[in-house]
Amino acid sequence: MEPLRPRVTPLAPERFGLQVTIDQETHELLQRARDLLGHQNPTGEIAPVIKRALELLVARLEKEKFATTKHPGTSRPSASARHIPAAVKRAVRERDGDRCTFVSDSGMRCGARNRLEFHHLEPVARGGQATTENVRLVCRAHNQHEAERAFGAGFMERKREEARM
């Protein structure tokens, strides 16, 4: 049996209905979070619990993926040429606006905001550096497309096959 897909239904301007099926473990986590937020949410409504959880999750994921922080420190050197310093990640994310920067031959910019990756305009394998000028955000599909343009489809297919092993 295929799991039910969540439904998000617009109810009014800036208001949405959410219907989702969760498992027992998720239900227990939701109840525990609701209990822990009881002093801030005395009515026990679920929406504020979900909002708080999502705020924390988004902050954590942005820190992991984009090195987002309120108090940036100094960058530490890395032995890996593929390493992108946190300051570069933050600057690229700010410049690129949290979306893919790929522009088609017809001039259309990709609107993807998910599966974003850092892409070196001049590939690391060809001496490209992890600088703000050489790094941009692209979606997974366009990162793969650019790699195939740079190195050839056959080469990239072999590399993907090696990675699966």
N, C-alpha and C. Protein backbone atom coordinates (compact mmCIF):
# COMPACT_ATOMS: atom_id res chain seq x y z
N MET A 1 0.83 -1.18 0.00
CA MET A 1 0.00 0.00 0.00
C MET A 1 0.87 1.25 0.00
N GLU A 2 0.60 2.17 -0.90
CA GLU A 2 1.37 3.41 -0.99
C GLU A 2 0.99 4.33 0.16
N PRO A 3 2.01 4.95 0.82
CA PRO A 3 1.68 5.86 1.92
C PRO A 3 0.92 7.07 1.41
N LEU A 4 0.05 7.60 2.28
CA LEU A 4 -0.72 8.78 1.94
C LEU A 4 0.22 9.98 1.83
N ARG A 5 -0.02 10.81 0.82
CA ARG A 5 0.79 12.01 0.65
C ARG A 5 0.19 13.12 1.49
N PRO A 6 1.04 13.95 2.09
CA PRO A 6 0.49 15.06 2.87
C PRO A 6 -0.27 16.02 1.97
N ARG A 7 -1.30 16.62 2.53
CA ARG A 7 -2.09 17.60 1.79
C ARG A 7 -1.97 18.95 2.49
N VAL A 8 -1.63 19.95 1.70
CA VAL A 8 -1.60 21.32 2.19
C VAL A 8 -2.65 22.08 1.39
N THR A 9 -3.62 22.62 2.10
CA THR A 9 -4.75 23.28 1.45
C THR A 9 -4.81 24.74 1.89
N PRO A 10 -4.79 25.67 0.93
CA PRO A 10 -4.96 27.08 1.31
C PRO A 10 -6.35 27.30 1.90
N LEU A 11 -6.41 27.97 3.05
CA LEU A 11 -7.69 28.24 3.71
C LEU A 11 -8.07 29.71 3.61
N ALA A 12 -7.06 30.56 3.72
CA ALA A 12 -7.25 32.01 3.68
C ALA A 12 -5.87 32.61 3.41
N PRO A 13 -5.80 33.92 3.15
CA PRO A 13 -4.48 34.51 2.97
C PRO A 13 -3.57 34.19 4.17
N GLU A 14 -2.43 33.60 3.87
CA GLU A 14 -1.42 33.25 4.88
C GLU A 14 -1.87 32.19 5.89
N ARG A 15 -2.87 31.39 5.54
CA ARG A 15 -3.34 30.31 6.41
C ARG A 15 -3.51 29.05 5.57
N PHE A 16 -3.06 27.91 6.09
CA PHE A 16 -3.11 26.66 5.34
C PHE A 16 -3.55 25.54 6.27
N GLY A 17 -4.27 24.59 5.70
CA GLY A 17 -4.61 23.37 6.40
C GLY A 17 -3.59 22.31 6.03
N LEU A 18 -3.19 21.51 6.99
CA LEU A 18 -2.21 20.45 6.75
C LEU A 18 -2.79 19.14 7.24
N GLN A 19 -2.81 18.14 6.37
CA GLN A 19 -3.25 16.81 6.77
C GLN A 19 -2.11 15.86 6.45
N VAL A 20 -1.67 15.13 7.46
CA VAL A 20 -0.53 14.23 7.29
C VAL A 20 -0.73 13.00 8.17
N THR A 21 -0.25 11.88 7.71
CA THR A 21 -0.30 10.65 8.50
C THR A 21 1.10 10.41 9.06
N ILE A 22 1.19 10.17 10.37
CA ILE A 22 2.48 9.96 11.01
C ILE A 22 2.51 8.61 11.70
N ASP A 23 3.71 8.10 11.93
CA ASP A 23 3.85 6.82 12.62
C ASP A 23 3.87 7.04 14.14
N GLN A 24 3.93 5.96 14.89
CA GLN A 24 3.87 6.02 16.35
C GLN A 24 5.05 6.80 16.92
N GLU A 25 6.23 6.57 16.41
CA GLU A 25 7.42 7.27 16.93
C GLU A 25 7.29 8.79 16.72
N THR A 26 6.82 9.19 15.56
CA THR A 26 6.64 10.62 15.27
C THR A 26 5.56 11.20 16.18
N HIS A 27 4.51 10.44 16.41
CA HIS A 27 3.44 10.90 17.31
C HIS A 27 3.98 11.11 18.71
N GLU A 28 4.80 10.20 19.18
CA GLU A 28 5.38 10.32 20.51
C GLU A 28 6.31 11.54 20.59
N LEU A 29 7.09 11.77 19.53
CA LEU A 29 7.96 12.95 19.50
C LEU A 29 7.13 14.24 19.53
N LEU A 30 6.06 14.26 18.78
CA LEU A 30 5.18 15.42 18.74
C LEU A 30 4.56 15.68 20.12
N GLN A 31 4.10 14.63 20.77
CA GLN A 31 3.51 14.77 22.10
C GLN A 31 4.55 15.25 23.11
N ARG A 32 5.77 14.71 23.01
CA ARG A 32 6.84 15.11 23.94
C ARG A 32 7.18 16.59 23.74
N ALA A 33 7.30 17.03 22.48
CA ALA A 33 7.59 18.43 22.20
C ALA A 33 6.45 19.32 22.72
N ARG A 34 5.22 18.88 22.53
CA ARG A 34 4.07 19.64 23.02
C ARG A 34 4.11 19.77 24.54
N ASP A 35 4.47 18.67 25.21
CA ASP A 35 4.59 18.71 26.67
C ASP A 35 5.69 19.67 27.11
N LEU A 36 6.83 19.62 26.43
CA LEU A 36 7.96 20.48 26.80
C LEU A 36 7.68 21.96 26.53
N LEU A 37 6.82 22.24 25.59
CA LEU A 37 6.46 23.62 25.29
C LEU A 37 5.20 24.07 26.03
N GLY A 38 4.75 23.29 26.98
CA GLY A 38 3.51 23.58 27.69
C GLY A 38 3.46 24.95 28.33
N HIS A 39 4.59 25.45 28.82
CA HIS A 39 4.60 26.77 29.46
C HIS A 39 4.45 27.89 28.42
N GLN A 40 4.88 27.66 27.18
CA GLN A 40 4.76 28.65 26.11
C GLN A 40 3.49 28.45 25.29
N ASN A 41 2.93 27.26 25.39
CA ASN A 41 1.76 26.88 24.58
C ASN A 41 0.75 26.18 25.49
N PRO A 42 0.15 26.93 26.42
CA PRO A 42 -0.71 26.28 27.42
C PRO A 42 -1.94 25.60 26.85
N THR A 43 -2.39 25.99 25.66
CA THR A 43 -3.57 25.34 25.08
C THR A 43 -3.22 24.01 24.43
N GLY A 44 -1.93 23.75 24.22
CA GLY A 44 -1.49 22.49 23.63
C GLY A 44 -1.73 22.38 22.14
N GLU A 45 -1.91 23.52 21.45
CA GLU A 45 -2.11 23.49 20.01
C GLU A 45 -0.89 22.87 19.32
N ILE A 46 -1.14 22.17 18.23
CA ILE A 46 -0.07 21.50 17.49
C ILE A 46 0.70 22.46 16.58
N ALA A 47 0.02 23.42 15.97
CA ALA A 47 0.66 24.32 15.00
C ALA A 47 1.89 25.04 15.58
N PRO A 48 1.83 25.60 16.80
CA PRO A 48 3.03 26.26 17.34
C PRO A 48 4.18 25.28 17.58
N VAL A 49 3.86 24.04 17.89
CA VAL A 49 4.90 23.02 18.11
C VAL A 49 5.60 22.72 16.79
N ILE A 50 4.82 22.55 15.73
CA ILE A 50 5.40 22.27 14.42
C ILE A 50 6.23 23.46 13.94
N LYS A 51 5.72 24.66 14.14
CA LYS A 51 6.46 25.87 13.73
C LYS A 51 7.80 25.95 14.45
N ARG A 52 7.79 25.74 15.75
CA ARG A 52 9.04 25.80 16.54
C ARG A 52 10.01 24.72 16.09
N ALA A 53 9.51 23.52 15.85
CA ALA A 53 10.37 22.43 15.39
C ALA A 53 10.99 22.75 14.03
N LEU A 54 10.19 23.30 13.14
CA LEU A 54 10.69 23.65 11.80
C LEU A 54 11.70 24.80 11.86
N GLU A 55 11.47 25.77 12.73
CA GLU A 55 12.45 26.86 12.89
C GLU A 55 13.80 26.31 13.33
N LEU A 56 13.78 25.41 14.29
CA LEU A 56 15.03 24.81 14.78
C LEU A 56 15.68 23.93 13.71
N LEU A 57 14.87 23.15 13.00
CA LEU A 57 15.40 22.28 11.96
C LEU A 57 16.02 23.09 10.83
N VAL A 58 15.33 24.12 10.37
CA VAL A 58 15.84 24.95 9.27
C VAL A 58 17.15 25.63 9.69
N ALA A 59 17.21 26.15 10.90
CA ALA A 59 18.44 26.79 11.38
C ALA A 59 19.60 25.79 11.40
N ARG A 60 19.34 24.59 11.86
CA ARG A 60 20.39 23.55 11.91
C ARG A 60 20.84 23.15 10.51
N LEU A 61 19.89 22.96 9.61
CA LEU A 61 20.24 22.55 8.25
C LEU A 61 20.97 23.67 7.50
N GLU A 62 20.56 24.92 7.72
CA GLU A 62 21.27 26.04 7.09
C GLU A 62 22.69 26.14 7.61
N LYS A 63 22.89 25.85 8.88
CA LYS A 63 24.24 25.87 9.45
C LYS A 63 25.09 24.76 8.83
N GLU A 64 24.52 23.57 8.69
CA GLU A 64 25.26 22.45 8.10
C GLU A 64 25.59 22.69 6.63
N LYS A 65 24.61 23.13 5.85
CA LYS A 65 24.77 23.24 4.40
C LYS A 65 25.45 24.53 3.97
N PHE A 66 25.09 25.65 4.61
CA PHE A 66 25.57 26.95 4.16
C PHE A 66 26.46 27.67 5.16
N ALA A 67 26.81 27.01 6.26
CA ALA A 67 27.67 27.59 7.30
C ALA A 67 27.05 28.86 7.90
N THR A 68 25.72 28.91 7.95
CA THR A 68 25.02 30.05 8.50
C THR A 68 25.29 30.15 10.00
N THR A 69 25.63 31.34 10.43
CA THR A 69 25.87 31.58 11.84
C THR A 69 25.69 33.06 12.14
N LYS A 70 25.35 33.38 13.38
CA LYS A 70 25.22 34.78 13.78
C LYS A 70 26.58 35.39 14.09
N HIS A 71 27.55 34.54 14.42
CA HIS A 71 28.88 35.01 14.81
C HIS A 71 29.96 34.29 14.01
N PRO A 72 30.17 34.69 12.74
CA PRO A 72 31.18 33.99 11.94
C PRO A 72 32.59 34.19 12.49
N GLY A 73 33.35 33.12 12.46
CA GLY A 73 34.73 33.18 12.91
C GLY A 73 35.66 33.29 11.72
N THR A 74 36.93 33.08 11.97
CA THR A 74 37.89 33.11 10.87
C THR A 74 37.96 31.74 10.23
N SER A 75 38.21 31.72 8.93
CA SER A 75 38.28 30.46 8.20
C SER A 75 39.56 29.71 8.55
N ARG A 76 39.43 28.40 8.62
CA ARG A 76 40.60 27.54 8.87
C ARG A 76 41.00 26.91 7.55
N PRO A 77 42.29 26.82 7.30
CA PRO A 77 42.74 26.19 6.05
C PRO A 77 42.42 24.70 6.04
N SER A 78 42.27 24.16 4.82
CA SER A 78 41.98 22.74 4.66
C SER A 78 42.96 22.15 3.66
N ALA A 79 43.28 20.89 3.85
CA ALA A 79 44.17 20.20 2.92
C ALA A 79 43.45 19.81 1.64
N SER A 80 42.12 19.78 1.67
CA SER A 80 41.33 19.36 0.52
C SER A 80 41.06 20.54 -0.42
N ALA A 81 41.38 20.36 -1.69
CA ALA A 81 41.09 21.40 -2.69
C ALA A 81 39.59 21.55 -2.89
N ARG A 82 38.82 20.54 -2.53
CA ARG A 82 37.36 20.58 -2.70
C ARG A 82 36.65 21.30 -1.56
N HIS A 83 37.37 21.53 -0.47
CA HIS A 83 36.77 22.20 0.69
C HIS A 83 36.40 23.63 0.34
N ILE A 84 35.17 24.00 0.67
CA ILE A 84 34.72 25.37 0.45
C ILE A 84 34.62 26.03 1.82
N PRO A 85 35.41 27.07 2.06
CA PRO A 85 35.39 27.73 3.36
C PRO A 85 34.00 28.26 3.72
N ALA A 86 33.71 28.28 5.00
CA ALA A 86 32.40 28.73 5.48
C ALA A 86 32.07 30.14 5.00
N ALA A 87 33.04 31.03 5.00
CA ALA A 87 32.78 32.42 4.56
C ALA A 87 32.36 32.45 3.10
N VAL A 88 32.95 31.59 2.27
CA VAL A 88 32.58 31.52 0.85
C VAL A 88 31.17 30.97 0.72
N LYS A 89 30.83 29.93 1.48
CA LYS A 89 29.48 29.37 1.43
C LYS A 89 28.44 30.42 1.79
N ARG A 90 28.72 31.18 2.85
CA ARG A 90 27.77 32.21 3.28
C ARG A 90 27.60 33.29 2.20
N ALA A 91 28.70 33.73 1.63
CA ALA A 91 28.65 34.79 0.62
C ALA A 91 27.94 34.31 -0.65
N VAL A 92 28.21 33.08 -1.07
CA VAL A 92 27.58 32.53 -2.28
C VAL A 92 26.08 32.38 -2.05
N ARG A 93 25.71 31.88 -0.91
CA ARG A 93 24.28 31.71 -0.60
C ARG A 93 23.56 33.06 -0.63
N GLU A 94 24.16 34.06 -0.01
CA GLU A 94 23.57 35.40 0.02
C GLU A 94 23.45 35.96 -1.40
N ARG A 95 24.52 35.85 -2.17
CA ARG A 95 24.53 36.39 -3.53
C ARG A 95 23.52 35.68 -4.43
N ASP A 96 23.45 34.35 -4.33
CA ASP A 96 22.61 33.56 -5.24
C ASP A 96 21.16 33.44 -4.78
N GLY A 97 20.85 33.93 -3.60
CA GLY A 97 19.45 34.00 -3.16
C GLY A 97 18.79 32.66 -2.92
N ASP A 98 19.55 31.67 -2.44
CA ASP A 98 18.96 30.36 -2.08
C ASP A 98 18.26 29.68 -3.25
N ARG A 99 18.78 29.87 -4.47
CA ARG A 99 18.20 29.15 -5.60
C ARG A 99 19.24 28.91 -6.66
N CYS A 100 18.94 27.97 -7.53
CA CYS A 100 19.85 27.57 -8.60
C CYS A 100 20.15 28.77 -9.50
N THR A 101 21.40 28.92 -9.89
CA THR A 101 21.81 30.05 -10.73
C THR A 101 21.96 29.66 -12.20
N PHE A 102 21.66 28.41 -12.54
CA PHE A 102 21.82 27.99 -13.93
C PHE A 102 20.89 28.78 -14.83
N VAL A 103 21.43 29.25 -15.94
CA VAL A 103 20.65 29.98 -16.94
C VAL A 103 20.75 29.22 -18.25
N SER A 104 19.60 28.90 -18.83
CA SER A 104 19.56 28.14 -20.07
C SER A 104 20.04 29.00 -21.24
N ASP A 105 20.25 28.36 -22.37
CA ASP A 105 20.66 29.08 -23.58
C ASP A 105 19.62 30.13 -23.99
N SER A 106 18.36 29.90 -23.61
CA SER A 106 17.30 30.85 -23.96
C SER A 106 17.18 31.99 -22.93
N GLY A 107 18.04 31.96 -21.89
CA GLY A 107 18.05 33.05 -20.91
C GLY A 107 17.18 32.84 -19.69
N MET A 108 16.59 31.64 -19.55
CA MET A 108 15.72 31.37 -18.40
C MET A 108 16.56 30.84 -17.23
N ARG A 109 16.36 31.44 -16.07
CA ARG A 109 17.05 30.98 -14.87
C ARG A 109 16.25 29.88 -14.21
N CYS A 110 16.94 28.83 -13.79
CA CYS A 110 16.29 27.73 -13.08
C CYS A 110 15.74 28.27 -11.75
N GLY A 111 14.56 27.86 -11.40
CA GLY A 111 13.94 28.33 -10.18
C GLY A 111 14.07 27.38 -9.00
N ALA A 112 14.83 26.29 -9.17
CA ALA A 112 14.92 25.28 -8.11
C ALA A 112 15.50 25.85 -6.82
N ARG A 113 14.88 25.47 -5.71
CA ARG A 113 15.36 25.86 -4.39
C ARG A 113 15.72 24.63 -3.55
N ASN A 114 15.53 23.44 -4.12
CA ASN A 114 15.85 22.22 -3.38
C ASN A 114 17.02 21.51 -4.05
N ARG A 115 17.66 20.63 -3.30
CA ARG A 115 18.82 19.86 -3.76
C ARG A 115 19.92 20.77 -4.30
N LEU A 116 20.12 21.92 -3.64
CA LEU A 116 21.15 22.86 -4.07
C LEU A 116 22.53 22.36 -3.68
N GLU A 117 23.48 22.60 -4.57
CA GLU A 117 24.87 22.19 -4.37
C GLU A 117 25.79 23.34 -4.76
N PHE A 118 26.98 23.34 -4.20
CA PHE A 118 27.98 24.32 -4.60
C PHE A 118 28.70 23.80 -5.84
N HIS A 119 28.81 24.66 -6.84
CA HIS A 119 29.40 24.29 -8.12
C HIS A 119 30.58 25.22 -8.42
N HIS A 120 31.71 24.64 -8.80
CA HIS A 120 32.88 25.43 -9.21
C HIS A 120 32.77 25.74 -10.70
N LEU A 121 32.76 27.01 -11.07
CA LEU A 121 32.72 27.38 -12.49
C LEU A 121 33.93 26.81 -13.21
N GLU A 122 35.11 27.02 -12.65
CA GLU A 122 36.33 26.36 -13.14
C GLU A 122 36.52 25.16 -12.22
N PRO A 123 36.35 23.93 -12.75
CA PRO A 123 36.39 22.73 -11.89
C PRO A 123 37.69 22.61 -11.09
N VAL A 124 37.57 22.07 -9.90
CA VAL A 124 38.73 21.84 -9.04
C VAL A 124 39.76 20.98 -9.78
N ALA A 125 39.28 20.01 -10.55
CA ALA A 125 40.19 19.12 -11.29
C ALA A 125 41.03 19.89 -12.32
N ARG A 126 40.59 21.08 -12.66
CA ARG A 126 41.32 21.91 -13.62
C ARG A 126 41.93 23.13 -12.95
N GLY A 127 42.08 23.06 -11.63
CA GLY A 127 42.74 24.13 -10.89
C GLY A 127 41.82 25.18 -10.31
N GLY A 128 40.52 24.99 -10.42
CA GLY A 128 39.57 25.96 -9.87
C GLY A 128 39.67 26.05 -8.35
N GLN A 129 39.52 27.26 -7.86
CA GLN A 129 39.62 27.52 -6.42
C GLN A 129 38.25 27.71 -5.80
N ALA A 130 38.19 27.54 -4.49
CA ALA A 130 36.94 27.73 -3.74
C ALA A 130 36.83 29.19 -3.32
N THR A 131 36.59 30.05 -4.31
CA THR A 131 36.42 31.48 -4.05
C THR A 131 34.98 31.88 -4.36
N THR A 132 34.57 33.00 -3.83
CA THR A 132 33.22 33.50 -4.08
C THR A 132 32.99 33.69 -5.58
N GLU A 133 34.02 34.13 -6.29
CA GLU A 133 33.90 34.36 -7.73
C GLU A 133 33.79 33.06 -8.53
N ASN A 134 34.34 31.97 -8.01
CA ASN A 134 34.37 30.71 -8.76
C ASN A 134 33.30 29.71 -8.32
N VAL A 135 32.56 30.01 -7.28
CA VAL A 135 31.57 29.07 -6.74
C VAL A 135 30.18 29.69 -6.87
N ARG A 136 29.22 28.86 -7.23
CA ARG A 136 27.83 29.30 -7.30
C ARG A 136 26.93 28.16 -6.86
N LEU A 137 25.68 28.49 -6.56
CA LEU A 137 24.69 27.49 -6.20
C LEU A 137 23.98 27.01 -7.46
N VAL A 138 23.86 25.69 -7.59
CA VAL A 138 23.06 25.09 -8.65
C VAL A 138 22.34 23.89 -8.08
N CYS A 139 21.22 23.52 -8.70
CA CYS A 139 20.50 22.32 -8.26
C CYS A 139 21.31 21.09 -8.69
N ARG A 140 20.99 19.96 -8.13
CA ARG A 140 21.70 18.71 -8.41
C ARG A 140 21.72 18.41 -9.91
N ALA A 141 20.58 18.55 -10.57
CA ALA A 141 20.49 18.23 -11.99
C ALA A 141 21.42 19.13 -12.81
N HIS A 142 21.45 20.41 -12.50
CA HIS A 142 22.31 21.31 -13.27
C HIS A 142 23.78 21.15 -12.91
N ASN A 143 24.08 20.73 -11.68
CA ASN A 143 25.48 20.44 -11.33
C ASN A 143 25.97 19.25 -12.15
N GLN A 144 25.12 18.23 -12.28
CA GLN A 144 25.48 17.07 -13.10
C GLN A 144 25.62 17.47 -14.57
N HIS A 145 24.72 18.30 -15.05
CA HIS A 145 24.75 18.78 -16.44
C HIS A 145 26.06 19.54 -16.70
N GLU A 146 26.45 20.41 -15.79
CA GLU A 146 27.68 21.18 -15.96
C GLU A 146 28.91 20.27 -15.92
N ALA A 147 28.88 19.25 -15.08
CA ALA A 147 29.99 18.30 -15.02
C ALA A 147 30.12 17.55 -16.33
N GLU A 148 28.99 17.16 -16.91
CA GLU A 148 29.01 16.46 -18.19
C GLU A 148 29.51 17.38 -19.31
N ARG A 149 29.15 18.64 -19.23
CA ARG A 149 29.66 19.60 -20.23
C ARG A 149 31.17 19.77 -20.10
N ALA A 150 31.66 19.77 -18.88
CA ALA A 150 33.09 19.99 -18.64
C ALA A 150 33.94 18.75 -18.93
N PHE A 151 33.43 17.57 -18.55
CA PHE A 151 34.26 16.36 -18.61
C PHE A 151 33.74 15.30 -19.58
N GLY A 152 32.54 15.47 -20.09
CA GLY A 152 31.95 14.49 -21.00
C GLY A 152 31.03 13.54 -20.27
N ALA A 153 29.97 13.12 -20.98
CA ALA A 153 28.96 12.25 -20.38
C ALA A 153 29.53 10.89 -20.01
N GLY A 154 30.38 10.33 -20.88
CA GLY A 154 30.95 9.01 -20.60
C GLY A 154 31.82 9.02 -19.36
N PHE A 155 32.65 10.03 -19.22
CA PHE A 155 33.52 10.15 -18.04
C PHE A 155 32.69 10.25 -16.77
N MET A 156 31.65 11.09 -16.79
CA MET A 156 30.82 11.27 -15.60
C MET A 156 30.04 10.00 -15.27
N GLU A 157 29.58 9.27 -16.28
CA GLU A 157 28.87 8.02 -16.02
C GLU A 157 29.80 7.02 -15.35
N ARG A 158 31.05 6.95 -15.79
CA ARG A 158 32.03 6.05 -15.14
C ARG A 158 32.26 6.47 -13.69
N LYS A 159 32.36 7.76 -13.46
CA LYS A 159 32.57 8.26 -12.09
C LYS A 159 31.36 7.93 -11.19
N ARG A 160 30.16 8.06 -11.74
CA ARG A 160 28.96 7.73 -10.94
C ARG A 160 28.93 6.24 -10.64
N GLU A 161 29.31 5.43 -11.60
CA GLU A 161 29.36 3.98 -11.41
C GLU A 161 30.38 3.62 -10.32
N GLU A 162 31.53 4.24 -10.35
CA GLU A 162 32.56 4.01 -9.33
C GLU A 162 32.05 4.40 -7.95
N ALA A 163 31.31 5.48 -7.88
CA ALA A 163 30.79 5.95 -6.59
C ALA A 163 29.76 4.99 -6.01
N ARG A 164 29.05 4.27 -6.87
CA ARG A 164 28.04 3.30 -6.41
C ARG A 164 28.68 2.05 -5.84
N MET A 165 29.89 1.78 -6.21
CA MET A 165 30.56 0.53 -5.77
C MET A 165 31.10 0.64 -4.38
